[in-house]
Amino acid sequence: MQQGQVRIIAGKWRGRKLQVPDIKDLRPTPDRVRETLFNWLAPMIAGAHCLDVFAGSGALGFEALSRGAAHVVMVDQARVVVELLKAELVQFGANNAEVYQAKVPEQLQKPRHPFDIVFLDPPYQSNLLLPCCHYLEGQGFLADSAYLYLEASEVIKDNELPKNWRLIKTRQAGQVAYHLAQREKAHHD
């Protein structure tokens, strides 16, 4: 695995590269997986408000911006990652994105606008994926029919997710199981 860079696949920044911070457990989503993911999201991405929770290299957040997302918030737990992403946003001239450092999920900042698309790709050993799902659902972060990209080392089951989320796509590529879930508006009786 070439340490160092990931390439933006499509959109206005197609072919531009992002630096990958040299941090243990940081593995950018493979190109092939990103390509599939953004094919799934193609109808939803233009004008979407996106949250990239374990931003890392920023590959998912920048890809969303490149393809016309209205606004992207990138969050990471490591200061070095946040500083690099901030610098890259300036380099790319992206004024519709923000980056902040937070311990996830409890320090996530309430959005001004609910998120239409959320990317959740935590370090596999962290066991943070499902707690993040339940936190985002419970704390009002999500638009009524939000889409959620979930990446893990094993396939997730519907019944592990919040009740009003449905898995609509599941694929496996090597050591990566990746999923697209859709949120249905919660029905309060």
C-alpha atoms as a PDB file:
ATOM      1  CA  MET A   1       0.000   0.000   0.000  1.00  0.00           C
ATOM      2  CA  GLN A   2       1.603   3.221  -1.105  1.00  0.00           C
ATOM      3  CA  GLN A   3       1.715   5.450   1.933  1.00  0.00           C
ATOM      4  CA  GLY A   4       1.207   8.994   1.144  1.00  0.00           C
ATOM      5  CA  GLN A   5      -1.579   9.875  -1.251  1.00  0.00           C
ATOM      6  CA  VAL A   6      -5.094   9.147  -2.404  1.00  0.00           C
ATOM      7  CA  ARG A   7      -6.554  10.372  -5.644  1.00  0.00           C
ATOM      8  CA  ILE A   8      -9.934  12.035  -6.089  1.00  0.00           C
ATOM      9  CA  ILE A   9     -11.850   9.885  -8.554  1.00  0.00           C
ATOM     10  CA  ALA A  10     -14.353  12.231 -10.198  1.00  0.00           C
ATOM     11  CA  GLY A  11     -15.881  15.682 -10.276  1.00  0.00           C
ATOM     12  CA  LYS A  12     -14.239  19.099 -10.392  1.00  0.00           C
ATOM     13  CA  TRP A  13     -11.084  17.930  -8.593  1.00  0.00           C
ATOM     14  CA  ARG A  14     -10.749  14.667 -10.466  1.00  0.00           C
ATOM     15  CA  GLY A  15      -7.171  13.363 -10.370  1.00  0.00           C
ATOM     16  CA  ARG A  16      -6.008  15.724  -7.616  1.00  0.00           C
ATOM     17  CA  LYS A  17      -4.228  14.075  -4.711  1.00  0.00           C
ATOM     18  CA  LEU A  18      -4.699  14.243  -0.972  1.00  0.00           C
ATOM     19  CA  GLN A  19      -1.934  13.565   1.522  1.00  0.00           C
ATOM     20  CA  VAL A  20      -2.442  10.597   3.801  1.00  0.00           C
ATOM     21  CA  PRO A  21      -1.198  11.304   7.319  1.00  0.00           C
ATOM     22  CA  ASP A  22       1.117   8.601   8.579  1.00  0.00           C
ATOM     23  CA  ILE A  23      -0.925   7.409  11.529  1.00  0.00           C
ATOM     24  CA  LYS A  24      -1.407   3.901  12.833  1.00  0.00           C
ATOM     25  CA  ASP A  25      -4.762   2.361  11.815  1.00  0.00           C
ATOM     26  CA  LEU A  26      -5.448   5.053   9.260  1.00  0.00           C
ATOM     27  CA  ARG A  27      -6.386   3.347   6.026  1.00  0.00           C
ATOM     28  CA  PRO A  28      -8.098   5.325   3.316  1.00  0.00           C
ATOM     29  CA  THR A  29     -11.099   3.658   1.757  1.00  0.00           C
ATOM     30  CA  PRO A  30      -9.731   1.827  -1.346  1.00  0.00           C
ATOM     31  CA  ASP A  31     -10.396   3.490  -4.715  1.00  0.00           C
ATOM     32  CA  ARG A  32     -12.546   0.607  -5.900  1.00  0.00           C
ATOM     33  CA  VAL A  33     -14.755   0.854  -2.827  1.00  0.00           C
ATOM     34  CA  ARG A  34     -14.998   4.638  -3.134  1.00  0.00           C
ATOM     35  CA  GLU A  35     -15.953   4.303  -6.766  1.00  0.00           C
ATOM     36  CA  THR A  36     -18.791   1.909  -5.928  1.00  0.00           C
ATOM     37  CA  LEU A  37     -19.924   4.042  -3.010  1.00  0.00           C
ATOM     38  CA  PHE A  38     -20.107   7.221  -5.058  1.00  0.00           C
ATOM     39  CA  ASN A  39     -21.927   5.390  -7.844  1.00  0.00           C
ATOM     40  CA  TRP A  40     -24.534   4.450  -5.232  1.00  0.00           C
ATOM     41  CA  LEU A  41     -24.679   8.041  -3.989  1.00  0.00           C
ATOM     42  CA  ALA A  42     -24.619   9.706  -7.419  1.00  0.00           C
ATOM     43  CA  PRO A  43     -28.319  10.674  -7.396  1.00  0.00           C
ATOM     44  CA  MET A  44     -28.092  12.090  -3.857  1.00  0.00           C
ATOM     45  CA  ILE A  45     -24.733  13.847  -3.726  1.00  0.00           C
ATOM     46  CA  ALA A  46     -25.418  17.159  -5.513  1.00  0.00           C
ATOM     47  CA  GLY A  47     -26.520  19.718  -2.969  1.00  0.00           C
ATOM     48  CA  ALA A  48     -26.187  17.286  -0.045  1.00  0.00           C
ATOM     49  CA  HIS A  49     -24.983  18.176   3.431  1.00  0.00           C
ATOM     50  CA  CYS A  50     -22.407  15.553   4.371  1.00  0.00           C
ATOM     51  CA  LEU A  51     -20.626  14.494   7.530  1.00  0.00           C
ATOM     52  CA  ASP A  52     -17.365  12.554   7.354  1.00  0.00           C
ATOM     53  CA  VAL A  53     -16.864  11.324  10.903  1.00  0.00           C
ATOM     54  CA  PHE A  54     -13.467   9.619  10.849  1.00  0.00           C
ATOM     55  CA  ALA A  55     -12.106  11.827   8.107  1.00  0.00           C
ATOM     56  CA  GLY A  56      -8.499  10.591   8.001  1.00  0.00           C
ATOM     57  CA  SER A  57      -7.141  11.411   4.554  1.00  0.00           C
ATOM     58  CA  GLY A  58     -10.354  13.273   3.759  1.00  0.00           C
ATOM     59  CA  ALA A  59     -10.861  11.058   0.692  1.00  0.00           C
ATOM     60  CA  LEU A  60     -14.617  10.662   1.242  1.00  0.00           C
ATOM     61  CA  GLY A  61     -15.280  14.274   2.209  1.00  0.00           C
ATOM     62  CA  PHE A  62     -13.233  15.730  -0.651  1.00  0.00           C
ATOM     63  CA  GLU A  63     -14.776  13.279  -3.110  1.00  0.00           C
ATOM     64  CA  ALA A  64     -18.236  14.458  -2.013  1.00  0.00           C
ATOM     65  CA  LEU A  65     -17.210  18.111  -2.448  1.00  0.00           C
ATOM     66  CA  SER A  66     -15.657  17.354  -5.826  1.00  0.00           C
ATOM     67  CA  ARG A  67     -18.976  15.873  -6.956  1.00  0.00           C
ATOM     68  CA  GLY A  68     -21.104  18.809  -5.899  1.00  0.00           C
ATOM     69  CA  ALA A  69     -22.073  18.344  -2.256  1.00  0.00           C
ATOM     70  CA  ALA A  70     -23.382  21.617  -0.798  1.00  0.00           C
ATOM     71  CA  HIS A  71     -21.436  21.376   2.436  1.00  0.00           C
ATOM     72  CA  VAL A  72     -19.142  18.863   4.105  1.00  0.00           C
ATOM     73  CA  VAL A  73     -18.130  18.661   7.739  1.00  0.00           C
ATOM     74  CA  MET A  74     -15.056  16.517   8.421  1.00  0.00           C
ATOM     75  CA  VAL A  75     -14.221  15.359  11.922  1.00  0.00           C
ATOM     76  CA  ASP A  76     -11.211  13.483  13.183  1.00  0.00           C
ATOM     77  CA  GLN A  77      -9.828  12.618  16.591  1.00  0.00           C
ATOM     78  CA  ALA A  78      -6.193  13.410  15.680  1.00  0.00           C
ATOM     79  CA  ARG A  79      -4.963  17.002  15.641  1.00  0.00           C
ATOM     80  CA  VAL A  80      -2.383  16.291  12.910  1.00  0.00           C
ATOM     81  CA  VAL A  81      -5.170  15.031  10.628  1.00  0.00           C
ATOM     82  CA  VAL A  82      -7.364  18.065  11.306  1.00  0.00           C
ATOM     83  CA  GLU A  83      -4.510  20.474  10.588  1.00  0.00           C
ATOM     84  CA  LEU A  84      -3.650  18.721   7.329  1.00  0.00           C
ATOM     85  CA  LEU A  85      -7.295  18.705   6.184  1.00  0.00           C
ATOM     86  CA  LYS A  86      -7.677  22.409   6.993  1.00  0.00           C
ATOM     87  CA  ALA A  87      -4.578  23.178   4.923  1.00  0.00           C
ATOM     88  CA  GLU A  88      -5.873  21.091   2.019  1.00  0.00           C
ATOM     89  CA  LEU A  89      -9.260  22.809   2.057  1.00  0.00           C
ATOM     90  CA  VAL A  90      -7.430  26.121   1.705  1.00  0.00           C
ATOM     91  CA  GLN A  91      -5.239  24.712  -1.093  1.00  0.00           C
ATOM     92  CA  PHE A  92      -8.305  23.434  -2.935  1.00  0.00           C
ATOM     93  CA  GLY A  93     -10.148  26.709  -2.353  1.00  0.00           C
ATOM     94  CA  ALA A  94     -13.049  24.846  -0.747  1.00  0.00           C
ATOM     95  CA  ASN A  95     -15.125  27.324   1.209  1.00  0.00           C
ATOM     96  CA  ASN A  96     -18.111  25.029   1.723  1.00  0.00           C
ATOM     97  CA  ALA A  97     -16.421  22.671   4.148  1.00  0.00           C
ATOM     98  CA  GLU A  98     -15.235  22.703   7.727  1.00  0.00           C
ATOM     99  CA  VAL A  99     -13.006  20.489   9.813  1.00  0.00           C
ATOM    100  CA  TYR A 100     -12.780  20.091  13.551  1.00  0.00           C
ATOM    101  CA  GLN A 101     -11.178  17.784  16.071  1.00  0.00           C
ATOM    102  CA  ALA A 102     -13.424  15.803  18.404  1.00  0.00           C
ATOM    103  CA  LYS A 103     -13.607  12.637  20.410  1.00  0.00           C
ATOM    104  CA  VAL A 104     -16.267  10.667  18.582  1.00  0.00           C
ATOM    105  CA  PRO A 105     -19.167  10.396  19.085  1.00  0.00           C
ATOM    106  CA  GLU A 106     -19.633  12.397  22.281  1.00  0.00           C
ATOM    107  CA  GLN A 107     -17.928  15.610  21.110  1.00  0.00           C
ATOM    108  CA  LEU A 108     -19.628  15.798  17.722  1.00  0.00           C
ATOM    109  CA  GLN A 109     -21.075  19.284  17.255  1.00  0.00           C
ATOM    110  CA  LYS A 110     -24.772  19.604  16.563  1.00  0.00           C
ATOM    111  CA  PRO A 111     -25.204  20.513  12.896  1.00  0.00           C
ATOM    112  CA  ARG A 112     -26.817  23.750  11.780  1.00  0.00           C
ATOM    113  CA  HIS A 113     -28.386  21.729   8.984  1.00  0.00           C
ATOM    114  CA  PRO A 114     -29.234  18.010   9.348  1.00  0.00           C
ATOM    115  CA  PHE A 115     -26.946  15.727   7.369  1.00  0.00           C
ATOM    116  CA  ASP A 116     -28.199  14.027   4.204  1.00  0.00           C
ATOM    117  CA  ILE A 117     -25.169  11.749   3.883  1.00  0.00           C
ATOM    118  CA  VAL A 118     -22.855  10.482   6.605  1.00  0.00           C
ATOM    119  CA  PHE A 119     -19.604   8.568   6.103  1.00  0.00           C
ATOM    120  CA  LEU A 120     -18.681   6.311   9.019  1.00  0.00           C
ATOM    121  CA  ASP A 121     -15.393   4.530   8.601  1.00  0.00           C
ATOM    122  CA  PRO A 122     -13.853   4.181  12.066  1.00  0.00           C
ATOM    123  CA  PRO A 123     -10.661   2.250  12.854  1.00  0.00           C
ATOM    124  CA  TYR A 124     -11.805  -1.365  12.822  1.00  0.00           C
ATOM    125  CA  GLN A 125     -10.561  -2.161  16.331  1.00  0.00           C
ATOM    126  CA  SER A 126     -12.307   0.835  17.874  1.00  0.00           C
ATOM    127  CA  ASN A 127     -15.806  -0.660  18.097  1.00  0.00           C
ATOM    128  CA  LEU A 128     -17.174   2.809  17.465  1.00  0.00           C
ATOM    129  CA  LEU A 129     -19.280   2.134  14.401  1.00  0.00           C
ATOM    130  CA  LEU A 130     -22.547   1.058  16.033  1.00  0.00           C
ATOM    131  CA  PRO A 131     -22.311   3.529  18.951  1.00  0.00           C
ATOM    132  CA  CYS A 132     -21.868   6.303  16.365  1.00  0.00           C
ATOM    133  CA  CYS A 133     -24.931   5.132  14.446  1.00  0.00           C
ATOM    134  CA  HIS A 134     -27.082   5.195  17.560  1.00  0.00           C
ATOM    135  CA  TYR A 135     -25.647   8.533  18.685  1.00  0.00           C
ATOM    136  CA  LEU A 136     -26.298  10.259  15.336  1.00  0.00           C
ATOM    137  CA  GLU A 137     -29.832   8.894  15.285  1.00  0.00           C
ATOM    138  CA  GLY A 138     -30.582   9.724  18.912  1.00  0.00           C
ATOM    139  CA  GLN A 139     -29.105  13.235  18.889  1.00  0.00           C
ATOM    140  CA  GLY A 140     -30.934  14.575  15.841  1.00  0.00           C
ATOM    141  CA  PHE A 141     -28.004  14.835  13.412  1.00  0.00           C
ATOM    142  CA  LEU A 142     -29.775  13.316  10.421  1.00  0.00           C
ATOM    143  CA  ALA A 143     -32.138  14.458   7.703  1.00  0.00           C
ATOM    144  CA  ASP A 144     -35.380  12.461   7.393  1.00  0.00           C
ATOM    145  CA  SER A 145     -34.100  10.195   4.647  1.00  0.00           C
ATOM    146  CA  ALA A 146     -30.370  10.359   5.276  1.00  0.00           C
ATOM    147  CA  TYR A 147     -27.971   7.881   3.677  1.00  0.00           C
ATOM    148  CA  LEU A 148     -25.190   6.385   5.767  1.00  0.00           C
ATOM    149  CA  TYR A 149     -22.033   4.770   4.504  1.00  0.00           C
ATOM    150  CA  LEU A 150     -20.750   2.198   6.991  1.00  0.00           C
ATOM    151  CA  GLU A 151     -17.386   0.536   6.636  1.00  0.00           C
ATOM    152  CA  ALA A 152     -16.245  -2.275   8.915  1.00  0.00           C
ATOM    153  CA  SER A 153     -14.160  -5.414   8.976  1.00  0.00           C
ATOM    154  CA  GLU A 154     -17.280  -7.564   8.916  1.00  0.00           C
ATOM    155  CA  VAL A 155     -20.790  -7.411   7.565  1.00  0.00           C
ATOM    156  CA  ILE A 156     -23.247  -5.488   9.712  1.00  0.00           C
ATOM    157  CA  LYS A 157     -26.737  -6.795  10.284  1.00  0.00           C
ATOM    158  CA  ASP A 158     -29.897  -4.712  10.065  1.00  0.00           C
ATOM    159  CA  ASN A 159     -30.862  -5.540  13.620  1.00  0.00           C
ATOM    160  CA  GLU A 160     -27.680  -3.943  15.019  1.00  0.00           C
ATOM    161  CA  LEU A 161     -28.612  -0.564  13.584  1.00  0.00           C
ATOM    162  CA  PRO A 162     -31.203   1.961  14.786  1.00  0.00           C
ATOM    163  CA  LYS A 163     -34.703   0.583  14.122  1.00  0.00           C
ATOM    164  CA  ASN A 164     -35.562   3.042  11.364  1.00  0.00           C
ATOM    165  CA  TRP A 165     -32.387   2.355   9.334  1.00  0.00           C
ATOM    166  CA  ARG A 166     -32.422  -0.121   6.460  1.00  0.00           C
ATOM    167  CA  LEU A 167     -29.367  -1.596   4.806  1.00  0.00           C
ATOM    168  CA  ILE A 168     -29.867  -1.093   1.092  1.00  0.00           C
ATOM    169  CA  LYS A 169     -26.446  -2.194  -0.189  1.00  0.00           C
ATOM    170  CA  THR A 170     -23.773  -4.459   1.203  1.00  0.00           C
ATOM    171  CA  ARG A 171     -20.530  -5.432  -0.488  1.00  0.00           C
ATOM    172  CA  GLN A 172     -17.291  -7.007   0.531  1.00  0.00           C
ATOM    173  CA  ALA A 173     -13.836  -6.245  -0.866  1.00  0.00           C
ATOM    174  CA  GLY A 174     -10.989  -8.149   0.729  1.00  0.00           C
ATOM    175  CA  GLN A 175     -10.900  -7.229   4.415  1.00  0.00           C
ATOM    176  CA  VAL A 176     -13.506  -4.523   3.998  1.00  0.00           C
ATOM    177  CA  ALA A 177     -17.243  -4.887   4.395  1.00  0.00           C
ATOM    178  CA  TYR A 178     -19.047  -1.778   3.258  1.00  0.00           C
ATOM    179  CA  HIS A 179     -22.697  -0.878   3.441  1.00  0.00           C
ATOM    180  CA  LEU A 180     -25.139   1.813   2.526  1.00  0.00           C
ATOM    181  CA  ALA A 181     -28.008   2.308   4.935  1.00  0.00           C
ATOM    182  CA  GLN A 182     -30.979   4.574   4.507  1.00  0.00           C
ATOM    183  CA  ARG A 183     -32.757   6.204   7.374  1.00  0.00           C
ATOM    184  CA  GLU A 184     -36.509   6.277   7.366  1.00  0.00           C
ATOM    185  CA  LYS A 185     -38.213   9.036   9.286  1.00  0.00           C
ATOM    186  CA  ALA A 186     -38.740   7.831  12.838  1.00  0.00           C
ATOM    187  CA  HIS A 187     -42.368   7.221  13.646  1.00  0.00           C
ATOM    188  CA  HIS A 188     -43.298   8.464  17.065  1.00  0.00           C
ATOM    189  CA  ASP A 189     -46.496   6.938  18.311  1.00  0.00           C
END
